[in-house]
C-alpha atoms as a PDB file:
ATOM      1  CA  MET A   1      -0.154  10.028  13.974  1.00  0.00           C
ATOM      2  CA  GLU A   2       3.829  10.939  13.921  1.00  0.00           C
ATOM      3  CA  ILE A   3       4.092  13.802  11.785  1.00  0.00           C
ATOM      4  CA  GLU A   4       7.644  14.354  10.334  1.00  0.00           C
ATOM      5  CA  VAL A   5      10.185  16.902   8.389  1.00  0.00           C
ATOM      6  CA  LYS A   6      13.243  16.058   7.443  1.00  0.00           C
ATOM      7  CA  ALA A   7      16.249  18.317   5.816  1.00  0.00           C
ATOM      8  CA  LYS A   8      20.142  17.929   4.890  1.00  0.00           C
ATOM      9  CA  VAL A   9      22.106  19.805   6.537  1.00  0.00           C
ATOM     10  CA  ALA A  10      25.752  21.053   6.058  1.00  0.00           C
ATOM     11  CA  ASP A  11      27.133  21.467   9.463  1.00  0.00           C
ATOM     12  CA  LEU A  12      25.902  18.979  12.359  1.00  0.00           C
ATOM     13  CA  ILE A  13      28.421  20.348  14.804  1.00  0.00           C
ATOM     14  CA  SER A  14      27.202  24.120  14.222  1.00  0.00           C
ATOM     15  CA  LEU A  15      23.610  23.316  14.179  1.00  0.00           C
ATOM     16  CA  ARG A  16      23.866  20.968  17.464  1.00  0.00           C
ATOM     17  CA  GLY A  17      25.259  23.902  19.109  1.00  0.00           C
ATOM     18  CA  ALA A  18      22.421  26.235  17.936  1.00  0.00           C
ATOM     19  CA  LEU A  19      19.836  23.795  19.132  1.00  0.00           C
ATOM     20  CA  GLU A  20      21.884  23.340  22.584  1.00  0.00           C
ATOM     21  CA  GLU A  21      21.698  27.780  22.837  1.00  0.00           C
ATOM     22  CA  LEU A  22      17.964  27.150  22.592  1.00  0.00           C
ATOM     23  CA  GLY A  23      18.423  24.627  25.622  1.00  0.00           C
ATOM     24  CA  CYS A  24      18.370  21.385  23.875  1.00  0.00           C
ATOM     25  CA  THR A  25      20.394  18.552  25.809  1.00  0.00           C
ATOM     26  CA  PHE A  26      21.042  15.781  23.332  1.00  0.00           C
ATOM     27  CA  PHE A  27      21.398  11.949  24.452  1.00  0.00           C
ATOM     28  CA  ALA A  28      24.515   9.686  23.762  1.00  0.00           C
ATOM     29  CA  PRO A  29      24.734   9.176  20.014  1.00  0.00           C
ATOM     30  CA  VAL A  30      23.324   5.637  19.018  1.00  0.00           C
ATOM     31  CA  VAL A  31      24.667   3.950  16.173  1.00  0.00           C
ATOM     32  CA  GLN A  32      21.824   2.209  14.211  1.00  0.00           C
ATOM     33  CA  ASP A  33      22.284  -0.849  11.609  1.00  0.00           C
ATOM     34  CA  ASP A  34      19.500  -1.411   9.403  1.00  0.00           C
ATOM     35  CA  THR A  35      19.064  -3.933   6.580  1.00  0.00           C
ATOM     36  CA  VAL A  36      15.557  -3.622   5.021  1.00  0.00           C
ATOM     37  CA  PHE A  37      13.657  -6.637   3.449  1.00  0.00           C
ATOM     38  CA  VAL A  38      11.162  -6.622   0.676  1.00  0.00           C
ATOM     39  CA  ARG A  39       9.367  -9.302  -1.354  1.00  0.00           C
ATOM     40  CA  THR A  40      10.626  -7.168  -4.875  1.00  0.00           C
ATOM     41  CA  VAL A  41      13.927  -5.778  -5.388  1.00  0.00           C
ATOM     42  CA  GLY A  42      15.248  -4.123  -8.453  1.00  0.00           C
ATOM     43  CA  THR A  43      14.168  -0.482  -9.493  1.00  0.00           C
ATOM     44  CA  ILE A  44      13.257   2.622  -7.288  1.00  0.00           C
ATOM     45  CA  GLU A  45       9.756   1.742  -8.690  1.00  0.00           C
ATOM     46  CA  GLU A  46       9.679  -1.903  -7.720  1.00  0.00           C
ATOM     47  CA  TYR A  47      11.144  -1.277  -4.728  1.00  0.00           C
ATOM     48  CA  LEU A  48       8.210   1.090  -3.842  1.00  0.00           C
ATOM     49  CA  CYS A  49       5.637  -1.368  -5.439  1.00  0.00           C
ATOM     50  CA  ASN A  50       5.852  -3.282  -2.116  1.00  0.00           C
ATOM     51  CA  SER A  51       3.476  -3.183   0.069  1.00  0.00           C
ATOM     52  CA  VAL A  52       5.148  -4.095   3.377  1.00  0.00           C
ATOM     53  CA  PHE A  53       8.884  -2.930   4.446  1.00  0.00           C
ATOM     54  CA  LEU A  54      10.639  -5.111   6.874  1.00  0.00           C
ATOM     55  CA  ARG A  55      13.508  -3.760   9.084  1.00  0.00           C
ATOM     56  CA  VAL A  56      16.575  -5.348  10.915  1.00  0.00           C
ATOM     57  CA  ARG A  57      18.267  -2.846  13.574  1.00  0.00           C
ATOM     58  CA  ILE A  58      21.230  -3.600  15.484  1.00  0.00           C
ATOM     59  CA  GLN A  59      21.671  -1.166  17.655  1.00  0.00           C
ATOM     60  CA  ASN A  60      25.250  -0.485  19.587  1.00  0.00           C
ATOM     61  CA  ASP A  61      23.994  -1.431  22.510  1.00  0.00           C
ATOM     62  CA  GLY A  62      23.052  -4.978  21.418  1.00  0.00           C
ATOM     63  CA  THR A  63      19.492  -4.127  20.745  1.00  0.00           C
ATOM     64  CA  VAL A  64      17.600  -6.183  17.532  1.00  0.00           C
ATOM     65  CA  LEU A  65      14.499  -4.633  16.329  1.00  0.00           C
ATOM     66  CA  LEU A  66      12.269  -5.535  13.702  1.00  0.00           C
ATOM     67  CA  THR A  67      10.389  -3.188  12.220  1.00  0.00           C
ATOM     68  CA  ALA A  68       7.343  -3.973   9.756  1.00  0.00           C
ATOM     69  CA  LYS A  69       5.818  -0.639   7.974  1.00  0.00           C
ATOM     70  CA  LYS A  70       3.092  -0.434   5.494  1.00  0.00           C
ATOM     71  CA  ALA A  71       3.291   2.453   3.047  1.00  0.00           C
ATOM     72  CA  THR A  72      -0.264   4.496   2.492  1.00  0.00           C
ATOM     73  CA  THR A  73       0.861   4.898  -0.935  1.00  0.00           C
ATOM     74  CA  GLN A  74       2.925   4.004  -3.707  1.00  0.00           C
ATOM     75  CA  SER A  75       5.163   6.874  -3.880  1.00  0.00           C
ATOM     76  CA  ALA A  76       8.909   8.461  -2.041  1.00  0.00           C
ATOM     77  CA  GLU A  77       7.065  11.496  -1.291  1.00  0.00           C
ATOM     78  CA  ASN A  78       4.785  10.231   1.589  1.00  0.00           C
ATOM     79  CA  LEU A  79       5.658   9.272   4.812  1.00  0.00           C
ATOM     80  CA  VAL A  80       4.839   5.558   6.230  1.00  0.00           C
ATOM     81  CA  LYS A  81       1.454   5.273   7.891  1.00  0.00           C
ATOM     82  CA  THR A  82       1.649   1.862   9.692  1.00  0.00           C
ATOM     83  CA  GLU A  83       4.517   0.844  11.974  1.00  0.00           C
ATOM     84  CA  TYR A  84       5.194  -2.097  14.402  1.00  0.00           C
ATOM     85  CA  GLU A  85       8.204  -2.590  15.760  1.00  0.00           C
ATOM     86  CA  VAL A  86       9.406  -5.919  18.490  1.00  0.00           C
ATOM     87  CA  VAL A  87      12.519  -6.503  20.062  1.00  0.00           C
ATOM     88  CA  VAL A  88      14.065 -10.037  18.642  1.00  0.00           C
ATOM     89  CA  ASN A  89      17.202 -11.945  20.239  1.00  0.00           C
ATOM     90  CA  SER A  90      19.260 -12.700  17.450  1.00  0.00           C
ATOM     91  CA  ALA A  91      19.581 -10.496  14.142  1.00  0.00           C
ATOM     92  CA  ASP A  92      20.910 -13.506  12.247  1.00  0.00           C
ATOM     93  CA  GLU A  93      17.743 -15.759  13.078  1.00  0.00           C
ATOM     94  CA  VAL A  94      15.278 -13.290  11.916  1.00  0.00           C
ATOM     95  CA  CYS A  95      17.297 -12.400   8.920  1.00  0.00           C
ATOM     96  CA  SER A  96      16.950 -16.131   8.224  1.00  0.00           C
ATOM     97  CA  LEU A  97      13.743 -16.475   8.856  1.00  0.00           C
ATOM     98  CA  LEU A  98      12.608 -13.308   6.472  1.00  0.00           C
ATOM     99  CA  GLU A  99      14.255 -14.914   3.479  1.00  0.00           C
ATOM    100  CA  LEU A 100      12.811 -18.278   4.407  1.00  0.00           C
ATOM    101  CA  ALA A 101       9.577 -16.247   4.113  1.00  0.00           C
ATOM    102  CA  GLY A 102      10.514 -14.851   0.976  1.00  0.00           C
ATOM    103  CA  PHE A 103      11.868 -11.246   1.659  1.00  0.00           C
ATOM    104  CA  GLN A 104      15.076 -10.205   0.119  1.00  0.00           C
ATOM    105  CA  ARG A 105      17.764  -8.083   1.376  1.00  0.00           C
ATOM    106  CA  SER A 106      17.620  -4.828  -0.232  1.00  0.00           C
ATOM    107  CA  VAL A 107      19.252  -2.179   1.301  1.00  0.00           C
ATOM    108  CA  HIS A 108      21.590  -1.321   3.825  1.00  0.00           C
ATOM    109  CA  VAL A 109      21.761   1.955   5.732  1.00  0.00           C
ATOM    110  CA  ARG A 110      23.767   2.959   9.289  1.00  0.00           C
ATOM    111  CA  LYS A 111      23.322   5.881  10.846  1.00  0.00           C
ATOM    112  CA  THR A 112      24.476   7.463  13.951  1.00  0.00           C
ATOM    113  CA  ARG A 113      21.585   9.365  15.358  1.00  0.00           C
ATOM    114  CA  GLN A 114      21.430  12.238  18.731  1.00  0.00           C
ATOM    115  CA  LYS A 115      17.932  12.429  20.120  1.00  0.00           C
ATOM    116  CA  SER A 116      17.092  15.700  22.163  1.00  0.00           C
ATOM    117  CA  HIS A 117      13.594  17.104  22.479  1.00  0.00           C
ATOM    118  CA  TYR A 118      12.289  21.000  21.938  1.00  0.00           C
ATOM    119  CA  GLY A 119       8.943  21.806  22.745  1.00  0.00           C
ATOM    120  CA  ALA A 120       6.483  19.054  21.410  1.00  0.00           C
ATOM    121  CA  TYR A 121       9.088  18.201  18.704  1.00  0.00           C
ATOM    122  CA  GLU A 122      11.708  14.984  18.869  1.00  0.00           C
ATOM    123  CA  ILE A 123      14.855  16.214  17.333  1.00  0.00           C
ATOM    124  CA  CYS A 124      16.715  13.811  16.021  1.00  0.00           C
ATOM    125  CA  LEU A 125      20.546  14.577  14.319  1.00  0.00           C
ATOM    126  CA  ASP A 126      21.565  11.662  11.781  1.00  0.00           C
ATOM    127  CA  ASP A 127      24.877  11.151  10.132  1.00  0.00           C
ATOM    128  CA  ILE A 128      23.946   8.738   7.565  1.00  0.00           C
ATOM    129  CA  ASP A 129      27.404   6.475   6.433  1.00  0.00           C
ATOM    130  CA  GLY A 130      27.434   7.319   2.726  1.00  0.00           C
ATOM    131  CA  LEU A 131      24.405  10.130   2.569  1.00  0.00           C
ATOM    132  CA  GLY A 132      25.682  12.613   4.741  1.00  0.00           C
ATOM    133  CA  SER A 133      23.969  14.547   7.649  1.00  0.00           C
ATOM    134  CA  PHE A 134      20.197  15.335   8.407  1.00  0.00           C
ATOM    135  CA  ILE A 135      17.968  16.937  11.130  1.00  0.00           C
ATOM    136  CA  GLU A 136      14.604  15.195  11.478  1.00  0.00           C
ATOM    137  CA  LEU A 137      11.415  16.997  13.566  1.00  0.00           C
ATOM    138  CA  GLU A 138       8.839  14.660  14.907  1.00  0.00           C
ATOM    139  CA  GLN A 139       5.785  15.364  16.500  1.00  0.00           C
ATOM    140  CA  ILE A 140       2.703  12.771  17.818  1.00  0.00           C
ATOM    141  CA  ALA A 141      -0.547  14.801  16.715  1.00  0.00           C
ATOM    142  CA  GLU A 142      -3.970  14.374  15.109  1.00  0.00           C
ATOM    143  CA  GLU A 143      -3.660  14.004  11.082  1.00  0.00           C
ATOM    144  CA  HIS A 144      -6.066  16.828  10.463  1.00  0.00           C
ATOM    145  CA  ALA A 145      -3.498  19.147  12.084  1.00  0.00           C
ATOM    146  CA  ALA A 146      -0.406  18.094   9.792  1.00  0.00           C
ATOM    147  CA  GLU A 147      -0.296  20.593   7.547  1.00  0.00           C
ATOM    148  CA  ASN A 148      -0.233  23.231   9.918  1.00  0.00           C
ATOM    149  CA  ILE A 149       2.355  21.117  12.018  1.00  0.00           C
ATOM    150  CA  GLN A 150       4.531  21.003   9.332  1.00  0.00           C
ATOM    151  CA  ARG A 151       4.389  24.718   8.715  1.00  0.00           C
ATOM    152  CA  GLU A 152       5.362  25.039  12.387  1.00  0.00           C
ATOM    153  CA  MET A 153       8.403  22.800  11.950  1.00  0.00           C
ATOM    154  CA  PHE A 154       9.576  24.352   8.915  1.00  0.00           C
ATOM    155  CA  ALA A 155       9.476  27.647  10.715  1.00  0.00           C
ATOM    156  CA  PHE A 156      11.535  26.239  12.998  1.00  0.00           C
ATOM    157  CA  LEU A 157      14.207  24.730  10.855  1.00  0.00           C
ATOM    158  CA  GLY A 158      14.343  28.319   8.789  1.00  0.00           C
ATOM    159  CA  SER A 159      15.520  29.692  12.400  1.00  0.00           C
ATOM    160  CA  LEU A 160      17.877  27.551  12.078  1.00  0.00           C
ATOM    161  CA  GLY A 161      19.056  28.435   9.031  1.00  0.00           C
ATOM    162  CA  ILE A 162      17.874  25.442   6.922  1.00  0.00           C
ATOM    163  CA  SER A 163      15.994  26.522   3.986  1.00  0.00           C
ATOM    164  CA  PRO A 164      13.204  24.952   2.184  1.00  0.00           C
ATOM    165  CA  GLU A 165      15.165  23.624  -0.731  1.00  0.00           C
ATOM    166  CA  ASP A 166      17.216  21.419   2.077  1.00  0.00           C
ATOM    167  CA  GLN A 167      13.975  19.321   2.697  1.00  0.00           C
ATOM    168  CA  VAL A 168      14.021  15.774   1.937  1.00  0.00           C
ATOM    169  CA  LYS A 169      10.870  13.932   1.290  1.00  0.00           C
ATOM    170  CA  LYS A 170      12.402  10.242   1.073  1.00  0.00           C
ATOM    171  CA  GLY A 171      13.635   7.894   3.665  1.00  0.00           C
ATOM    172  CA  TYR A 172      17.190   7.162   3.999  1.00  0.00           C
ATOM    173  CA  ASP A 173      16.312   3.768   3.037  1.00  0.00           C
ATOM    174  CA  ILE A 174      15.533   5.189  -0.674  1.00  0.00           C
ATOM    175  CA  LEU A 175      17.996   7.668  -0.779  1.00  0.00           C
ATOM    176  CA  MET A 176      20.401   4.925  -0.057  1.00  0.00           C
ATOM    177  CA  LEU A 177      19.016   2.526  -2.959  1.00  0.00           C
ATOM    178  CA  GLU A 178      19.075   5.657  -5.367  1.00  0.00           C
ATOM    179  CA  LYS A 179      22.490   6.150  -4.949  1.00  0.00           C
ATOM    180  CA  GLN A 180      23.361   2.374  -5.037  1.00  0.00           C
ATOM    181  CA  LEU A 181      21.777   1.917  -8.281  1.00  0.00           C
ATOM    182  CA  LYS A 182      23.410   4.931  -9.719  1.00  0.00           C
ATOM    183  CA  SER A 183      26.558   3.369  -8.793  1.00  0.00           C
ATOM    184  CA  GLU A 184      25.593   0.129 -10.690  1.00  0.00           C
ATOM    185  CA  VAL A 185      25.142   2.161 -13.876  1.00  0.00           C
END
């Protein structure tokens, strides 16, 4: 299972510098333009009641990915458990197909992601248009080890000056949807 933690970051450039001092080498930044499709749109609660979340991602290298995610619970606080991803030829065609199948566009997220590795962690530094900067740590491990690994991840983040109060438990799609709904009021 993929175990991850995420935190809001005030200064992405300084954080990258601190990680480089630890020996991290970053890949070239990748721009990801995501559109999420669900059956029911509306409030956050209605959004979270969807059982399947489909994402069409267009990357700056021209790659188009279709991802299907199924949540394990109906909570913004928990991570997605099941995920499938395929490369598709046309973003326009797959979006039309999803709409024909009854899915609706719900939220758009555009991010610039820089990846590196440190020990067993995959590190992602994300700059999200309209939301700010974040760090994500990810590690593949057995589910029974999740709590200990997350504790270790938080300790690592602490060593970089990131406090537990900076932790973010919601996905970027939910954060963006919350922002959109606030601006509509």
